[in-house]
Amino acid sequence: RLEGCKGMGADFSEGYFADTVAGKCNFS
């Protein structure tokens, strides 16, 4: 679970997200 997190310019490439919820996060 991710809430109110920042990930601007982060590299999540080739990743794996399972049973995950993100709310009000900034991934610009």
mmCIF file of all heavy atoms, coordinates in Angstrom:
data_MODEL
# 
_entry.id   MODEL 
# 
loop_
_atom_site.group_PDB 
_atom_site.id 
_atom_site.type_symbol 
_atom_site.label_atom_id 
_atom_site.label_alt_id 
_atom_site.label_comp_id 
_atom_site.label_asym_id 
_atom_site.label_entity_id 
_atom_site.label_seq_id 
_atom_site.pdbx_PDB_ins_code 
_atom_site.Cartn_x 
_atom_site.Cartn_y 
_atom_site.Cartn_z 
_atom_site.occupancy 
_atom_site.B_iso_or_equiv 
_atom_site.pdbx_formal_charge 
_atom_site.auth_seq_id 
_atom_site.auth_comp_id 
_atom_site.auth_asym_id 
_atom_site.auth_atom_id 
_atom_site.pdbx_PDB_model_num 
ATOM 1   N N   . ARG A 1 1  ? 0.847  -1.185  0.000   1.00 0.00 ? 1  ARG A N   1 
ATOM 2   C CA  . ARG A 1 1  ? 0.000  0.000   0.000   1.00 0.00 ? 1  ARG A CA  1 
ATOM 3   C C   . ARG A 1 1  ? 0.884  1.237   0.000   1.00 0.00 ? 1  ARG A C   1 
ATOM 4   O O   . ARG A 1 1  ? 1.832  1.335   0.783   1.00 0.00 ? 1  ARG A O   1 
ATOM 5   C CB  . ARG A 1 1  ? -0.913 0.031   1.224   1.00 0.00 ? 1  ARG A CB  1 
ATOM 6   C CG  . ARG A 1 1  ? -1.904 -1.116  1.300   1.00 0.00 ? 1  ARG A CG  1 
ATOM 7   C CD  . ARG A 1 1  ? -2.961 -1.021  0.197   1.00 0.00 ? 1  ARG A CD  1 
ATOM 8   N NE  . ARG A 1 1  ? -3.940 -2.097  0.267   1.00 0.00 ? 1  ARG A NE  1 
ATOM 9   C CZ  . ARG A 1 1  ? -3.800 -3.279  -0.334  1.00 0.00 ? 1  ARG A CZ  1 
ATOM 10  N NH1 . ARG A 1 1  ? -2.697 -3.542  -1.019  1.00 0.00 ? 1  ARG A NH1 1 
ATOM 11  N NH2 . ARG A 1 1  ? -4.746 -4.186  -0.246  1.00 0.00 ? 1  ARG A NH2 1 
ATOM 12  N N   . LEU A 1 2  ? 0.572  2.195   -0.890  1.00 0.00 ? 2  LEU A N   1 
ATOM 13  C CA  . LEU A 1 2  ? 1.290  3.468   -0.943  1.00 0.00 ? 2  LEU A CA  1 
ATOM 14  C C   . LEU A 1 2  ? 0.264  4.584   -0.865  1.00 0.00 ? 2  LEU A C   1 
ATOM 15  O O   . LEU A 1 2  ? -0.697 4.601   -1.652  1.00 0.00 ? 2  LEU A O   1 
ATOM 16  C CB  . LEU A 1 2  ? 2.101  3.605   -2.227  1.00 0.00 ? 2  LEU A CB  1 
ATOM 17  C CG  . LEU A 1 2  ? 3.214  2.589   -2.507  1.00 0.00 ? 2  LEU A CG  1 
ATOM 18  C CD1 . LEU A 1 2  ? 2.666  1.394   -3.302  1.00 0.00 ? 2  LEU A CD1 1 
ATOM 19  C CD2 . LEU A 1 2  ? 4.348  3.228   -3.290  1.00 0.00 ? 2  LEU A CD2 1 
ATOM 20  N N   . GLU A 1 3  ? 0.445  5.507   0.054   1.00 0.00 ? 3  GLU A N   1 
ATOM 21  C CA  . GLU A 1 3  ? -0.485 6.610   0.211   1.00 0.00 ? 3  GLU A CA  1 
ATOM 22  C C   . GLU A 1 3  ? 0.289  7.909   0.351   1.00 0.00 ? 3  GLU A C   1 
ATOM 23  O O   . GLU A 1 3  ? 1.170  8.043   1.217   1.00 0.00 ? 3  GLU A O   1 
ATOM 24  C CB  . GLU A 1 3  ? -1.366 6.395   1.447   1.00 0.00 ? 3  GLU A CB  1 
ATOM 25  C CG  . GLU A 1 3  ? -2.467 7.429   1.612   1.00 0.00 ? 3  GLU A CG  1 
ATOM 26  C CD  . GLU A 1 3  ? -3.557 7.337   0.543   1.00 0.00 ? 3  GLU A CD  1 
ATOM 27  O OE1 . GLU A 1 3  ? -3.775 6.229   0.009   1.00 0.00 ? 3  GLU A OE1 1 
ATOM 28  O OE2 . GLU A 1 3  ? -4.181 8.373   0.241   1.00 0.00 ? 3  GLU A OE2 1 
ATOM 29  N N   . GLY A 1 4  ? -0.023 8.876   -0.544  1.00 0.00 ? 4  GLY A N   1 
ATOM 30  C CA  . GLY A 1 4  ? 0.598  10.185  -0.466  1.00 0.00 ? 4  GLY A CA  1 
ATOM 31  C C   . GLY A 1 4  ? 2.096  10.179  -0.712  1.00 0.00 ? 4  GLY A C   1 
ATOM 32  O O   . GLY A 1 4  ? 2.811  11.035  -0.188  1.00 0.00 ? 4  GLY A O   1 
ATOM 33  N N   . CYS A 1 5  ? 2.569  9.232   -1.505  1.00 0.00 ? 5  CYS A N   1 
ATOM 34  C CA  . CYS A 1 5  ? 4.010  9.113   -1.748  1.00 0.00 ? 5  CYS A CA  1 
ATOM 35  C C   . CYS A 1 5  ? 4.435  9.883   -2.996  1.00 0.00 ? 5  CYS A C   1 
ATOM 36  O O   . CYS A 1 5  ? 3.627  10.165  -3.876  1.00 0.00 ? 5  CYS A O   1 
ATOM 37  C CB  . CYS A 1 5  ? 4.408  7.644   -1.895  1.00 0.00 ? 5  CYS A CB  1 
ATOM 38  S SG  . CYS A 1 5  ? 4.215  6.680   -0.374  1.00 0.00 ? 5  CYS A SG  1 
ATOM 39  N N   . LYS A 1 6  ? 5.731  10.200  -3.071  1.00 0.00 ? 6  LYS A N   1 
ATOM 40  C CA  . LYS A 1 6  ? 6.317  10.857  -4.234  1.00 0.00 ? 6  LYS A CA  1 
ATOM 41  C C   . LYS A 1 6  ? 7.280  9.897   -4.922  1.00 0.00 ? 6  LYS A C   1 
ATOM 42  O O   . LYS A 1 6  ? 8.066  9.218   -4.256  1.00 0.00 ? 6  LYS A O   1 
ATOM 43  C CB  . LYS A 1 6  ? 7.073  12.116  -3.820  1.00 0.00 ? 6  LYS A CB  1 
ATOM 44  C CG  . LYS A 1 6  ? 6.224  13.192  -3.168  1.00 0.00 ? 6  LYS A CG  1 
ATOM 45  C CD  . LYS A 1 6  ? 7.087  14.367  -2.738  1.00 0.00 ? 6  LYS A CD  1 
ATOM 46  C CE  . LYS A 1 6  ? 6.279  15.425  -2.020  1.00 0.00 ? 6  LYS A CE  1 
ATOM 47  N NZ  . LYS A 1 6  ? 7.135  16.561  -1.562  1.00 0.00 ? 6  LYS A NZ  1 
ATOM 48  N N   . GLY A 1 7  ? 7.206  9.886   -6.254  1.00 0.00 ? 7  GLY A N   1 
ATOM 49  C CA  . GLY A 1 7  ? 8.141  9.079   -7.022  1.00 0.00 ? 7  GLY A CA  1 
ATOM 50  C C   . GLY A 1 7  ? 8.526  9.794   -8.302  1.00 0.00 ? 7  GLY A C   1 
ATOM 51  O O   . GLY A 1 7  ? 8.684  9.177   -9.353  1.00 0.00 ? 7  GLY A O   1 
ATOM 52  N N   . MET A 1 8  ? 8.682  11.112  -8.229  1.00 0.00 ? 8  MET A N   1 
ATOM 53  C CA  . MET A 1 8  ? 8.978  11.894  -9.433  1.00 0.00 ? 8  MET A CA  1 
ATOM 54  C C   . MET A 1 8  ? 10.334 11.493  -10.009 1.00 0.00 ? 8  MET A C   1 
ATOM 55  O O   . MET A 1 8  ? 11.336 11.459  -9.300  1.00 0.00 ? 8  MET A O   1 
ATOM 56  C CB  . MET A 1 8  ? 8.991  13.387  -9.121  1.00 0.00 ? 8  MET A CB  1 
ATOM 57  C CG  . MET A 1 8  ? 7.616  13.961  -8.821  1.00 0.00 ? 8  MET A CG  1 
ATOM 58  S SD  . MET A 1 8  ? 7.223  13.870  -7.077  1.00 0.00 ? 8  MET A SD  1 
ATOM 59  C CE  . MET A 1 8  ? 8.158  15.260  -6.476  1.00 0.00 ? 8  MET A CE  1 
ATOM 60  N N   . GLY A 1 9  ? 10.315 11.143  -11.275 1.00 0.00 ? 9  GLY A N   1 
ATOM 61  C CA  . GLY A 1 9  ? 11.553 10.777  -11.946 1.00 0.00 ? 9  GLY A CA  1 
ATOM 62  C C   . GLY A 1 9  ? 12.140 9.447   -11.501 1.00 0.00 ? 9  GLY A C   1 
ATOM 63  O O   . GLY A 1 9  ? 13.272 9.116   -11.874 1.00 0.00 ? 9  GLY A O   1 
ATOM 64  N N   . ALA A 1 10 ? 11.419 8.673   -10.728 1.00 0.00 ? 10 ALA A N   1 
ATOM 65  C CA  . ALA A 1 10 ? 11.936 7.380   -10.259 1.00 0.00 ? 10 ALA A CA  1 
ATOM 66  C C   . ALA A 1 10 ? 11.881 6.349   -11.381 1.00 0.00 ? 10 ALA A C   1 
ATOM 67  O O   . ALA A 1 10 ? 11.074 6.445   -12.309 1.00 0.00 ? 10 ALA A O   1 
ATOM 68  C CB  . ALA A 1 10 ? 11.137 6.888   -9.061  1.00 0.00 ? 10 ALA A CB  1 
ATOM 69  N N   . ASP A 1 11 ? 12.749 5.355   -11.303 1.00 0.00 ? 11 ASP A N   1 
ATOM 70  C CA  . ASP A 1 11 ? 12.821 4.300   -12.310 1.00 0.00 ? 11 ASP A CA  1 
ATOM 71  C C   . ASP A 1 11 ? 12.225 3.018   -11.741 1.00 0.00 ? 11 ASP A C   1 
ATOM 72  O O   . ASP A 1 11 ? 12.857 2.324   -10.937 1.00 0.00 ? 11 ASP A O   1 
ATOM 73  C CB  . ASP A 1 11 ? 14.275 4.074   -12.736 1.00 0.00 ? 11 ASP A CB  1 
ATOM 74  C CG  . ASP A 1 11 ? 14.410 3.040   -13.848 1.00 0.00 ? 11 ASP A CG  1 
ATOM 75  O OD1 . ASP A 1 11 ? 13.374 2.497   -14.294 1.00 0.00 ? 11 ASP A OD1 1 
ATOM 76  O OD2 . ASP A 1 11 ? 15.542 2.782   -14.284 1.00 0.00 ? 11 ASP A OD2 1 
ATOM 77  N N   . PHE A 1 12 ? 10.966 2.721   -12.141 1.00 0.00 ? 12 PHE A N   1 
ATOM 78  C CA  . PHE A 1 12 ? 10.287 1.491   -11.736 1.00 0.00 ? 12 PHE A CA  1 
ATOM 79  C C   . PHE A 1 12 ? 10.279 0.472   -12.878 1.00 0.00 ? 12 PHE A C   1 
ATOM 80  O O   . PHE A 1 12 ? 9.528  -0.505  -12.832 1.00 0.00 ? 12 PHE A O   1 
ATOM 81  C CB  . PHE A 1 12 ? 8.835  1.785   -11.350 1.00 0.00 ? 12 PHE A CB  1 
ATOM 82  C CG  . PHE A 1 12 ? 8.664  2.678   -10.150 1.00 0.00 ? 12 PHE A CG  1 
ATOM 83  C CD1 . PHE A 1 12 ? 8.513  4.052   -10.301 1.00 0.00 ? 12 PHE A CD1 1 
ATOM 84  C CD2 . PHE A 1 12 ? 8.621  2.148   -8.865  1.00 0.00 ? 12 PHE A CD2 1 
ATOM 85  C CE1 . PHE A 1 12 ? 8.324  4.878   -9.199  1.00 0.00 ? 12 PHE A CE1 1 
ATOM 86  C CE2 . PHE A 1 12 ? 8.440  2.961   -7.759  1.00 0.00 ? 12 PHE A CE2 1 
ATOM 87  C CZ  . PHE A 1 12 ? 8.294  4.335   -7.928  1.00 0.00 ? 12 PHE A CZ  1 
ATOM 88  N N   . SER A 1 13 ? 11.094 0.663   -13.890 1.00 0.00 ? 13 SER A N   1 
ATOM 89  C CA  . SER A 1 13 ? 11.014 -0.156  -15.103 1.00 0.00 ? 13 SER A CA  1 
ATOM 90  C C   . SER A 1 13 ? 11.302 -1.628  -14.821 1.00 0.00 ? 13 SER A C   1 
ATOM 91  O O   . SER A 1 13 ? 12.042 -1.976  -13.892 1.00 0.00 ? 13 SER A O   1 
ATOM 92  C CB  . SER A 1 13 ? 11.981 0.368   -16.166 1.00 0.00 ? 13 SER A CB  1 
ATOM 93  O OG  . SER A 1 13 ? 13.324 0.283   -15.711 1.00 0.00 ? 13 SER A OG  1 
ATOM 94  N N   . GLU A 1 14 ? 10.691 -2.492  -15.647 1.00 0.00 ? 14 GLU A N   1 
ATOM 95  C CA  . GLU A 1 14 ? 10.879 -3.946  -15.564 1.00 0.00 ? 14 GLU A CA  1 
ATOM 96  C C   . GLU A 1 14 ? 10.535 -4.486  -14.172 1.00 0.00 ? 14 GLU A C   1 
ATOM 97  O O   . GLU A 1 14 ? 11.050 -5.527  -13.752 1.00 0.00 ? 14 GLU A O   1 
ATOM 98  C CB  . GLU A 1 14 ? 12.328 -4.327  -15.924 1.00 0.00 ? 14 GLU A CB  1 
ATOM 99  C CG  . GLU A 1 14 ? 12.798 -3.813  -17.280 1.00 0.00 ? 14 GLU A CG  1 
ATOM 100 C CD  . GLU A 1 14 ? 11.993 -4.395  -18.439 1.00 0.00 ? 14 GLU A CD  1 
ATOM 101 O OE1 . GLU A 1 14 ? 11.475 -5.525  -18.300 1.00 0.00 ? 14 GLU A OE1 1 
ATOM 102 O OE2 . GLU A 1 14 ? 11.880 -3.711  -19.479 1.00 0.00 ? 14 GLU A OE2 1 
ATOM 103 N N   . GLY A 1 15 ? 9.639  -3.789  -13.478 1.00 0.00 ? 15 GLY A N   1 
ATOM 104 C CA  . GLY A 1 15 ? 9.266  -4.205  -12.133 1.00 0.00 ? 15 GLY A CA  1 
ATOM 105 C C   . GLY A 1 15 ? 8.050  -5.113  -12.123 1.00 0.00 ? 15 GLY A C   1 
ATOM 106 O O   . GLY A 1 15 ? 7.526  -5.523  -13.164 1.00 0.00 ? 15 GLY A O   1 
ATOM 107 N N   . TYR A 1 16 ? 7.599  -5.431  -10.905 1.00 0.00 ? 16 TYR A N   1 
ATOM 108 C CA  . TYR A 1 16 ? 6.450  -6.313  -10.718 1.00 0.00 ? 16 TYR A CA  1 
ATOM 109 C C   . TYR A 1 16 ? 5.618  -5.780  -9.561  1.00 0.00 ? 16 TYR A C   1 
ATOM 110 O O   . TYR A 1 16 ? 6.105  -5.683  -8.434  1.00 0.00 ? 16 TYR A O   1 
ATOM 111 C CB  . TYR A 1 16 ? 6.912  -7.739  -10.426 1.00 0.00 ? 16 TYR A CB  1 
ATOM 112 C CG  . TYR A 1 16 ? 5.787  -8.728  -10.190 1.00 0.00 ? 16 TYR A CG  1 
ATOM 113 C CD1 . TYR A 1 16 ? 4.949  -9.113  -11.228 1.00 0.00 ? 16 TYR A CD1 1 
ATOM 114 C CD2 . TYR A 1 16 ? 5.579  -9.283  -8.928  1.00 0.00 ? 16 TYR A CD2 1 
ATOM 115 C CE1 . TYR A 1 16 ? 3.924  -10.021 -11.015 1.00 0.00 ? 16 TYR A CE1 1 
ATOM 116 C CE2 . TYR A 1 16 ? 4.553  -10.192 -8.708  1.00 0.00 ? 16 TYR A CE2 1 
ATOM 117 C CZ  . TYR A 1 16 ? 3.734  -10.562 -9.756  1.00 0.00 ? 16 TYR A CZ  1 
ATOM 118 O OH  . TYR A 1 16 ? 2.713  -11.462 -9.550  1.00 0.00 ? 16 TYR A OH  1 
ATOM 119 N N   . PHE A 1 17 ? 4.366  -5.395  -9.865  1.00 0.00 ? 17 PHE A N   1 
ATOM 120 C CA  . PHE A 1 17 ? 3.434  -4.916  -8.851  1.00 0.00 ? 17 PHE A CA  1 
ATOM 121 C C   . PHE A 1 17 ? 2.287  -5.917  -8.768  1.00 0.00 ? 17 PHE A C   1 
ATOM 122 O O   . PHE A 1 17 ? 1.609  -6.178  -9.774  1.00 0.00 ? 17 PHE A O   1 
ATOM 123 C CB  . PHE A 1 17 ? 2.858  -3.552  -9.241  1.00 0.00 ? 17 PHE A CB  1 
ATOM 124 C CG  . PHE A 1 17 ? 3.789  -2.381  -9.078  1.00 0.00 ? 17 PHE A CG  1 
ATOM 125 C CD1 . PHE A 1 17 ? 5.033  -2.341  -9.706  1.00 0.00 ? 17 PHE A CD1 1 
ATOM 126 C CD2 . PHE A 1 17 ? 3.410  -1.288  -8.313  1.00 0.00 ? 17 PHE A CD2 1 
ATOM 127 C CE1 . PHE A 1 17 ? 5.878  -1.261  -9.572  1.00 0.00 ? 17 PHE A CE1 1 
ATOM 128 C CE2 . PHE A 1 17 ? 4.247  -0.184  -8.177  1.00 0.00 ? 17 PHE A CE2 1 
ATOM 129 C CZ  . PHE A 1 17 ? 5.489  -0.169  -8.799  1.00 0.00 ? 17 PHE A CZ  1 
ATOM 130 N N   . ALA A 1 18 ? 2.045  -6.477  -7.588  1.00 0.00 ? 18 ALA A N   1 
ATOM 131 C CA  . ALA A 1 18 ? 0.942  -7.419  -7.416  1.00 0.00 ? 18 ALA A CA  1 
ATOM 132 C C   . ALA A 1 18 ? 0.214  -7.115  -6.112  1.00 0.00 ? 18 ALA A C   1 
ATOM 133 O O   . ALA A 1 18 ? 0.847  -6.844  -5.084  1.00 0.00 ? 18 ALA A O   1 
ATOM 134 C CB  . ALA A 1 18 ? 1.461  -8.856  -7.421  1.00 0.00 ? 18 ALA A CB  1 
ATOM 135 N N   . ASP A 1 19 ? -1.116 -7.144  -6.165  1.00 0.00 ? 19 ASP A N   1 
ATOM 136 C CA  . ASP A 1 19 ? -1.930 -6.861  -4.978  1.00 0.00 ? 19 ASP A CA  1 
ATOM 137 C C   . ASP A 1 19 ? -1.457 -5.575  -4.308  1.00 0.00 ? 19 ASP A C   1 
ATOM 138 O O   . ASP A 1 19 ? -1.183 -5.531  -3.100  1.00 0.00 ? 19 ASP A O   1 
ATOM 139 C CB  . ASP A 1 19 ? -1.867 -8.037  -3.999  1.00 0.00 ? 19 ASP A CB  1 
ATOM 140 C CG  . ASP A 1 19 ? -2.539 -9.279  -4.564  1.00 0.00 ? 19 ASP A CG  1 
ATOM 141 O OD1 . ASP A 1 19 ? -3.756 -9.230  -4.816  1.00 0.00 ? 19 ASP A OD1 1 
ATOM 142 O OD2 . ASP A 1 19 ? -1.836 -10.278 -4.771  1.00 0.00 ? 19 ASP A OD2 1 
ATOM 143 N N   . THR A 1 20 ? -1.371 -4.528  -5.123  1.00 0.00 ? 20 THR A N   1 
ATOM 144 C CA  . THR A 1 20 ? -0.841 -3.242  -4.661  1.00 0.00 ? 20 THR A CA  1 
ATOM 145 C C   . THR A 1 20 ? -1.859 -2.134  -4.907  1.00 0.00 ? 20 THR A C   1 
ATOM 146 O O   . THR A 1 20 ? -2.496 -2.095  -5.963  1.00 0.00 ? 20 THR A O   1 
ATOM 147 C CB  . THR A 1 20 ? 0.483  -2.918  -5.371  1.00 0.00 ? 20 THR A CB  1 
ATOM 148 O OG1 . THR A 1 20 ? 1.474  -3.876  -4.964  1.00 0.00 ? 20 THR A OG1 1 
ATOM 149 C CG2 . THR A 1 20 ? 0.978  -1.529  -5.023  1.00 0.00 ? 20 THR A CG2 1 
ATOM 150 N N   . VAL A 1 21 ? -2.001 -1.250  -3.942  1.00 0.00 ? 21 VAL A N   1 
ATOM 151 C CA  . VAL A 1 21 ? -2.899 -0.098  -4.057  1.00 0.00 ? 21 VAL A CA  1 
ATOM 152 C C   . VAL A 1 21 ? -2.091 1.166   -3.779  1.00 0.00 ? 21 VAL A C   1 
ATOM 153 O O   . VAL A 1 21 ? -1.365 1.233   -2.780  1.00 0.00 ? 21 VAL A O   1 
ATOM 154 C CB  . VAL A 1 21 ? -4.074 -0.188  -3.059  1.00 0.00 ? 21 VAL A CB  1 
ATOM 155 C CG1 . VAL A 1 21 ? -4.921 1.083   -3.115  1.00 0.00 ? 21 VAL A CG1 1 
ATOM 156 C CG2 . VAL A 1 21 ? -4.938 -1.410  -3.347  1.00 0.00 ? 21 VAL A CG2 1 
ATOM 157 N N   . ALA A 1 22 ? -2.201 2.152   -4.670  1.00 0.00 ? 22 ALA A N   1 
ATOM 158 C CA  . ALA A 1 22 ? -1.527 3.440   -4.485  1.00 0.00 ? 22 ALA A CA  1 
ATOM 159 C C   . ALA A 1 22 ? -2.563 4.551   -4.579  1.00 0.00 ? 22 ALA A C   1 
ATOM 160 O O   . ALA A 1 22 ? -3.353 4.589   -5.526  1.00 0.00 ? 22 ALA A O   1 
ATOM 161 C CB  . ALA A 1 22 ? -0.433 3.637   -5.526  1.00 0.00 ? 22 ALA A CB  1 
ATOM 162 N N   . GLY A 1 23 ? -2.569 5.441   -3.620  1.00 0.00 ? 23 GLY A N   1 
ATOM 163 C CA  . GLY A 1 23 ? -3.515 6.548   -3.618  1.00 0.00 ? 23 GLY A CA  1 
ATOM 164 C C   . GLY A 1 23 ? -2.828 7.889   -3.420  1.00 0.00 ? 23 GLY A C   1 
ATOM 165 O O   . GLY A 1 23 ? -1.930 8.021   -2.572  1.00 0.00 ? 23 GLY A O   1 
ATOM 166 N N   . LYS A 1 24 ? -3.216 8.866   -4.220  1.00 0.00 ? 24 LYS A N   1 
ATOM 167 C CA  . LYS A 1 24 ? -2.709 10.234  -4.109  1.00 0.00 ? 24 LYS A CA  1 
ATOM 168 C C   . LYS A 1 24 ? -1.183 10.288  -4.156  1.00 0.00 ? 24 LYS A C   1 
ATOM 169 O O   . LYS A 1 24 ? -0.548 11.013  -3.378  1.00 0.00 ? 24 LYS A O   1 
ATOM 170 C CB  . LYS A 1 24 ? -3.238 10.898  -2.843  1.00 0.00 ? 24 LYS A CB  1 
ATOM 171 C CG  . LYS A 1 24 ? -4.756 11.030  -2.812  1.00 0.00 ? 24 LYS A CG  1 
ATOM 172 C CD  . LYS A 1 24 ? -5.251 11.708  -1.547  1.00 0.00 ? 24 LYS A CD  1 
ATOM 173 C CE  . LYS A 1 24 ? -6.759 11.826  -1.555  1.00 0.00 ? 24 LYS A CE  1 
ATOM 174 N NZ  . LYS A 1 24 ? -7.278 12.474  -0.316  1.00 0.00 ? 24 LYS A NZ  1 
ATOM 175 N N   . CYS A 1 25 ? -0.607 9.526   -5.073  1.00 0.00 ? 25 CYS A N   1 
ATOM 176 C CA  . CYS A 1 25 ? 0.851  9.513   -5.246  1.00 0.00 ? 25 CYS A CA  1 
ATOM 177 C C   . CYS A 1 25 ? 1.246  10.295  -6.488  1.00 0.00 ? 25 CYS A C   1 
ATOM 178 O O   . CYS A 1 25 ? 0.490  10.356  -7.463  1.00 0.00 ? 25 CYS A O   1 
ATOM 179 C CB  . CYS A 1 25 ? 1.363  8.074   -5.352  1.00 0.00 ? 25 CYS A CB  1 
ATOM 180 S SG  . CYS A 1 25 ? 1.118  7.090   -3.851  1.00 0.00 ? 25 CYS A SG  1 
ATOM 181 N N   . ASN A 1 26 ? 2.430  10.878  -6.473  1.00 0.00 ? 26 ASN A N   1 
ATOM 182 C CA  . ASN A 1 26 ? 2.933  11.661  -7.593  1.00 0.00 ? 26 ASN A CA  1 
ATOM 183 C C   . ASN A 1 26 ? 4.072  10.908  -8.272  1.00 0.00 ? 26 ASN A C   1 
ATOM 184 O O   . ASN A 1 26 ? 5.173  10.811  -7.732  1.00 0.00 ? 26 ASN A O   1 
ATOM 185 C CB  . ASN A 1 26 ? 3.428  13.028  -7.120  1.00 0.00 ? 26 ASN A CB  1 
ATOM 186 C CG  . ASN A 1 26 ? 3.778  13.950  -8.268  1.00 0.00 ? 26 ASN A CG  1 
ATOM 187 O OD1 . ASN A 1 26 ? 3.888  13.524  -9.422  1.00 0.00 ? 26 ASN A OD1 1 
ATOM 188 N ND2 . ASN A 1 26 ? 3.962  15.223  -7.972  1.00 0.00 ? 26 ASN A ND2 1 
ATOM 189 N N   . PHE A 1 27 ? 3.785  10.350  -9.463  1.00 0.00 ? 27 PHE A N   1 
ATOM 190 C CA  . PHE A 1 27 ? 4.771  9.604   -10.236 1.00 0.00 ? 27 PHE A CA  1 
ATOM 191 C C   . PHE A 1 27 ? 5.152  10.342  -11.521 1.00 0.00 ? 27 PHE A C   1 
ATOM 192 O O   . PHE A 1 27 ? 5.543  9.725   -12.510 1.00 0.00 ? 27 PHE A O   1 
ATOM 193 C CB  . PHE A 1 27 ? 4.226  8.222   -10.608 1.00 0.00 ? 27 PHE A CB  1 
ATOM 194 C CG  . PHE A 1 27 ? 3.917  7.336   -9.432  1.00 0.00 ? 27 PHE A CG  1 
ATOM 195 C CD1 . PHE A 1 27 ? 2.617  6.926   -9.182  1.00 0.00 ? 27 PHE A CD1 1 
ATOM 196 C CD2 . PHE A 1 27 ? 4.917  6.908   -8.583  1.00 0.00 ? 27 PHE A CD2 1 
ATOM 197 C CE1 . PHE A 1 27 ? 2.320  6.102   -8.104  1.00 0.00 ? 27 PHE A CE1 1 
ATOM 198 C CE2 . PHE A 1 27 ? 4.636  6.082   -7.506  1.00 0.00 ? 27 PHE A CE2 1 
ATOM 199 C CZ  . PHE A 1 27 ? 3.337  5.668   -7.264  1.00 0.00 ? 27 PHE A CZ  1 
ATOM 200 N N   . SER A 1 28 ? 5.038  11.655  -11.535 1.00 0.00 ? 28 SER A N   1 
ATOM 201 C CA  . SER A 1 28 ? 5.355  12.404  -12.750 1.00 0.00 ? 28 SER A CA  1 
ATOM 202 C C   . SER A 1 28 ? 6.809  12.156  -13.170 1.00 0.00 ? 28 SER A C   1 
ATOM 203 O O   . SER A 1 28 ? 7.701  12.060  -12.329 1.00 0.00 ? 28 SER A O   1 
ATOM 204 C CB  . SER A 1 28 ? 5.110  13.901  -12.542 1.00 0.00 ? 28 SER A CB  1 
ATOM 205 O OG  . SER A 1 28 ? 5.910  14.413  -11.500 1.00 0.00 ? 28 SER A OG  1 
# 
